[in-house]
Amino acid sequence: MWRFWISFNEIRGDSMSSISRQPDKIGYSIKEAIAATSLGRSTLYRYIGEGTLRVVRIGGRTIIPADALHALIAGADE
C-alpha cells in the first residue's frame, strides 16, 4: 500500500512541489508478501521450503528480500 502526501502547493500545481511517498520496501514479512503477491500462505511456505523463495532470518523474524519476491513473480510464467 502506498501512502501519498499532497501539499496545498501540489494541489495548486506549483512547479517546485512534488508528491512524496514512502521509500520502496527492501524486505517483506510473510504477511506483507501474501498481500503484495496475492499468493496464499501455504504457497509461500512451500516455495520457501523448496528453496524457490529465498528468505533471511533476522532475530525472530522471517524477511523475504524484495528482489527474491520480484524474481519469484517474474519467473512464475516459466
N, C-alpha and C. Protein backbone atom coordinates (compact mmCIF):
# COMPACT_ATOMS: atom_id res chain seq x y z
N MET A 1 0.85 -1.17 0.00
CA MET A 1 0.00 0.00 0.00
C MET A 1 0.89 1.23 0.00
N TRP A 2 0.65 2.13 -0.90
CA TRP A 2 1.41 3.38 -0.99
C TRP A 2 0.64 4.47 -0.31
N ARG A 3 1.33 5.30 0.40
CA ARG A 3 0.69 6.45 1.03
C ARG A 3 1.27 7.70 0.41
N PHE A 4 0.41 8.52 -0.15
CA PHE A 4 0.84 9.75 -0.79
C PHE A 4 0.44 10.93 0.08
N TRP A 5 1.36 11.85 0.20
CA TRP A 5 1.11 13.07 0.95
C TRP A 5 1.16 14.22 -0.04
N ILE A 6 0.07 14.92 -0.17
CA ILE A 6 -0.01 16.01 -1.13
C ILE A 6 -0.19 17.32 -0.36
N SER A 7 0.66 18.28 -0.67
CA SER A 7 0.58 19.57 -0.01
C SER A 7 -0.36 20.50 -0.80
N PHE A 8 -0.70 21.62 -0.20
CA PHE A 8 -1.54 22.61 -0.85
C PHE A 8 -0.89 23.10 -2.14
N ASN A 9 0.43 23.30 -2.13
CA ASN A 9 1.14 23.76 -3.32
C ASN A 9 1.02 22.75 -4.46
N GLU A 10 1.04 21.48 -4.14
CA GLU A 10 0.91 20.44 -5.17
C GLU A 10 -0.49 20.45 -5.78
N ILE A 11 -1.47 20.69 -4.96
CA ILE A 11 -2.84 20.76 -5.46
C ILE A 11 -3.00 21.96 -6.39
N ARG A 12 -2.34 23.08 -6.05
CA ARG A 12 -2.39 24.27 -6.89
C ARG A 12 -1.61 24.09 -8.18
N GLY A 13 -0.66 23.15 -8.20
CA GLY A 13 0.11 22.92 -9.40
C GLY A 13 1.41 23.69 -9.47
N ASP A 14 1.94 24.12 -8.32
CA ASP A 14 3.23 24.81 -8.31
C ASP A 14 4.31 23.89 -8.85
N SER A 15 5.20 24.42 -9.67
CA SER A 15 6.22 23.60 -10.32
C SER A 15 7.31 23.13 -9.35
N MET A 16 7.50 23.77 -8.22
CA MET A 16 8.55 23.40 -7.29
C MET A 16 8.12 22.29 -6.34
N SER A 17 6.87 21.89 -6.38
CA SER A 17 6.39 20.88 -5.44
C SER A 17 6.46 19.49 -6.06
N SER A 18 6.40 18.51 -5.20
CA SER A 18 6.39 17.12 -5.68
C SER A 18 5.63 16.26 -4.69
N ILE A 19 5.17 15.12 -5.18
CA ILE A 19 4.47 14.17 -4.33
C ILE A 19 5.54 13.28 -3.70
N SER A 20 5.53 13.19 -2.39
CA SER A 20 6.50 12.32 -1.72
C SER A 20 5.79 11.04 -1.30
N ARG A 21 6.54 9.94 -1.34
CA ARG A 21 5.97 8.68 -0.92
C ARG A 21 6.99 7.96 -0.07
N GLN A 22 6.54 6.95 0.63
CA GLN A 22 7.45 6.19 1.46
C GLN A 22 8.46 5.48 0.56
N PRO A 23 9.66 5.23 1.07
CA PRO A 23 10.67 4.56 0.25
C PRO A 23 10.23 3.14 -0.12
N ASP A 24 10.75 2.65 -1.24
CA ASP A 24 10.43 1.29 -1.66
C ASP A 24 10.89 0.31 -0.61
N LYS A 25 10.12 -0.74 -0.42
CA LYS A 25 10.47 -1.76 0.56
C LYS A 25 11.65 -2.58 0.06
N ILE A 26 12.52 -2.97 0.98
CA ILE A 26 13.63 -3.85 0.62
C ILE A 26 13.39 -5.26 1.14
N GLY A 27 12.39 -5.42 1.98
CA GLY A 27 12.05 -6.74 2.50
C GLY A 27 10.61 -6.79 2.96
N TYR A 28 10.04 -7.98 2.93
CA TYR A 28 8.64 -8.18 3.28
C TYR A 28 8.50 -9.25 4.35
N SER A 29 7.60 -9.05 5.29
CA SER A 29 7.23 -10.13 6.21
C SER A 29 6.38 -11.12 5.41
N ILE A 30 6.11 -12.27 5.98
CA ILE A 30 5.26 -13.25 5.30
C ILE A 30 3.90 -12.63 5.02
N LYS A 31 3.34 -11.96 6.01
CA LYS A 31 2.01 -11.34 5.85
C LYS A 31 2.02 -10.29 4.74
N GLU A 32 3.05 -9.46 4.68
CA GLU A 32 3.16 -8.44 3.63
C GLU A 32 3.35 -9.07 2.25
N ALA A 33 4.13 -10.15 2.19
CA ALA A 33 4.36 -10.83 0.91
C ALA A 33 3.07 -11.45 0.39
N ILE A 34 2.26 -11.98 1.29
CA ILE A 34 0.96 -12.54 0.89
C ILE A 34 0.10 -11.44 0.28
N ALA A 35 0.05 -10.29 0.95
CA ALA A 35 -0.76 -9.17 0.45
C ALA A 35 -0.21 -8.63 -0.87
N ALA A 36 1.11 -8.56 -0.99
CA ALA A 36 1.72 -7.97 -2.18
C ALA A 36 1.59 -8.87 -3.41
N THR A 37 1.57 -10.18 -3.22
CA THR A 37 1.57 -11.11 -4.35
C THR A 37 0.23 -11.77 -4.61
N SER A 38 -0.68 -11.71 -3.66
CA SER A 38 -1.97 -12.42 -3.73
C SER A 38 -1.78 -13.94 -3.74
N LEU A 39 -0.62 -14.40 -3.28
CA LEU A 39 -0.39 -15.83 -3.12
C LEU A 39 -0.84 -16.23 -1.71
N GLY A 40 -1.17 -17.48 -1.54
CA GLY A 40 -1.58 -17.96 -0.23
C GLY A 40 -0.40 -18.22 0.68
N ARG A 41 -0.68 -18.28 1.97
CA ARG A 41 0.34 -18.54 2.97
C ARG A 41 1.03 -19.89 2.72
N SER A 42 0.23 -20.92 2.45
CA SER A 42 0.79 -22.26 2.20
C SER A 42 1.69 -22.26 0.97
N THR A 43 1.27 -21.54 -0.05
CA THR A 43 2.07 -21.46 -1.28
C THR A 43 3.42 -20.81 -1.02
N LEU A 44 3.42 -19.71 -0.28
CA LEU A 44 4.69 -19.05 0.04
C LEU A 44 5.59 -19.97 0.86
N TYR A 45 5.03 -20.64 1.87
CA TYR A 45 5.84 -21.54 2.68
C TYR A 45 6.35 -22.72 1.86
N ARG A 46 5.58 -23.18 0.88
CA ARG A 46 6.04 -24.26 0.01
C ARG A 46 7.24 -23.79 -0.81
N TYR A 47 7.16 -22.59 -1.39
CA TYR A 47 8.28 -22.04 -2.15
C TYR A 47 9.51 -21.86 -1.26
N ILE A 48 9.31 -21.43 -0.03
CA ILE A 48 10.42 -21.28 0.91
C ILE A 48 11.04 -22.65 1.21
N GLY A 49 10.19 -23.64 1.48
CA GLY A 49 10.67 -24.99 1.78
C GLY A 49 11.42 -25.63 0.63
N GLU A 50 10.97 -25.37 -0.60
CA GLU A 50 11.62 -25.92 -1.80
C GLU A 50 12.91 -25.19 -2.13
N GLY A 51 13.13 -24.02 -1.52
CA GLY A 51 14.30 -23.22 -1.85
C GLY A 51 14.07 -22.31 -3.04
N THR A 52 12.84 -22.27 -3.53
CA THR A 52 12.50 -21.41 -4.67
C THR A 52 12.44 -19.94 -4.26
N LEU A 53 12.06 -19.70 -3.02
CA LEU A 53 11.96 -18.33 -2.50
C LEU A 53 12.95 -18.17 -1.36
N ARG A 54 13.88 -17.25 -1.54
CA ARG A 54 14.94 -17.00 -0.54
C ARG A 54 14.39 -16.14 0.58
N VAL A 55 14.73 -16.52 1.81
CA VAL A 55 14.35 -15.73 2.99
C VAL A 55 15.58 -15.47 3.84
N VAL A 56 15.46 -14.47 4.68
CA VAL A 56 16.51 -14.11 5.62
C VAL A 56 15.89 -14.08 7.01
N ARG A 57 16.56 -14.70 7.96
CA ARG A 57 16.09 -14.66 9.35
C ARG A 57 16.85 -13.55 10.07
N ILE A 58 16.12 -12.62 10.64
CA ILE A 58 16.72 -11.52 11.40
C ILE A 58 16.05 -11.53 12.77
N GLY A 59 16.83 -11.87 13.77
CA GLY A 59 16.24 -12.04 15.09
C GLY A 59 15.24 -13.18 15.01
N GLY A 60 14.03 -12.94 15.41
CA GLY A 60 12.98 -13.96 15.32
C GLY A 60 12.09 -13.80 14.10
N ARG A 61 12.45 -12.89 13.22
CA ARG A 61 11.60 -12.59 12.05
C ARG A 61 12.11 -13.25 10.80
N THR A 62 11.16 -13.63 9.96
CA THR A 62 11.49 -14.13 8.63
C THR A 62 11.19 -13.01 7.65
N ILE A 63 12.22 -12.58 6.93
CA ILE A 63 12.09 -11.48 5.96
C ILE A 63 12.35 -12.03 4.57
N ILE A 64 11.48 -11.69 3.64
CA ILE A 64 11.66 -12.07 2.24
C ILE A 64 12.22 -10.84 1.52
N PRO A 65 13.46 -10.91 1.04
CA PRO A 65 14.01 -9.77 0.31
C PRO A 65 13.15 -9.43 -0.91
N ALA A 66 12.98 -8.15 -1.16
CA ALA A 66 12.13 -7.70 -2.27
C ALA A 66 12.60 -8.28 -3.59
N ASP A 67 13.92 -8.35 -3.81
CA ASP A 67 14.40 -8.88 -5.09
C ASP A 67 14.05 -10.36 -5.25
N ALA A 68 14.04 -11.11 -4.14
CA ALA A 68 13.67 -12.53 -4.21
C ALA A 68 12.18 -12.68 -4.55
N LEU A 69 11.35 -11.82 -3.97
CA LEU A 69 9.91 -11.87 -4.25
C LEU A 69 9.63 -11.46 -5.69
N HIS A 70 10.32 -10.43 -6.16
CA HIS A 70 10.16 -10.00 -7.57
C HIS A 70 10.61 -11.09 -8.53
N ALA A 71 11.72 -11.78 -8.20
CA ALA A 71 12.21 -12.85 -9.06
C ALA A 71 11.22 -14.01 -9.11
N LEU A 72 10.59 -14.32 -7.99
CA LEU A 72 9.58 -15.38 -7.96
C LEU A 72 8.42 -15.04 -8.90
N ILE A 73 7.93 -13.83 -8.79
CA ILE A 73 6.80 -13.40 -9.61
C ILE A 73 7.21 -13.30 -11.08
N ALA A 74 8.37 -12.79 -11.37
CA ALA A 74 8.84 -12.66 -12.75
C ALA A 74 9.03 -14.02 -13.40
N GLY A 75 9.43 -15.01 -12.62
CA GLY A 75 9.65 -16.35 -13.15
C GLY A 75 8.43 -17.23 -13.12
N ALA A 76 7.30 -16.71 -12.64
CA ALA A 76 6.09 -17.52 -12.49
C ALA A 76 5.53 -17.97 -13.85
N ASP A 77 5.85 -17.25 -14.92
CA ASP A 77 5.31 -17.61 -16.23
C ASP A 77 6.17 -18.66 -16.94
N GLU A 78 7.26 -19.05 -16.34
CA GLU A 78 8.15 -20.03 -16.98
C GLU A 78 7.66 -21.45 -16.72
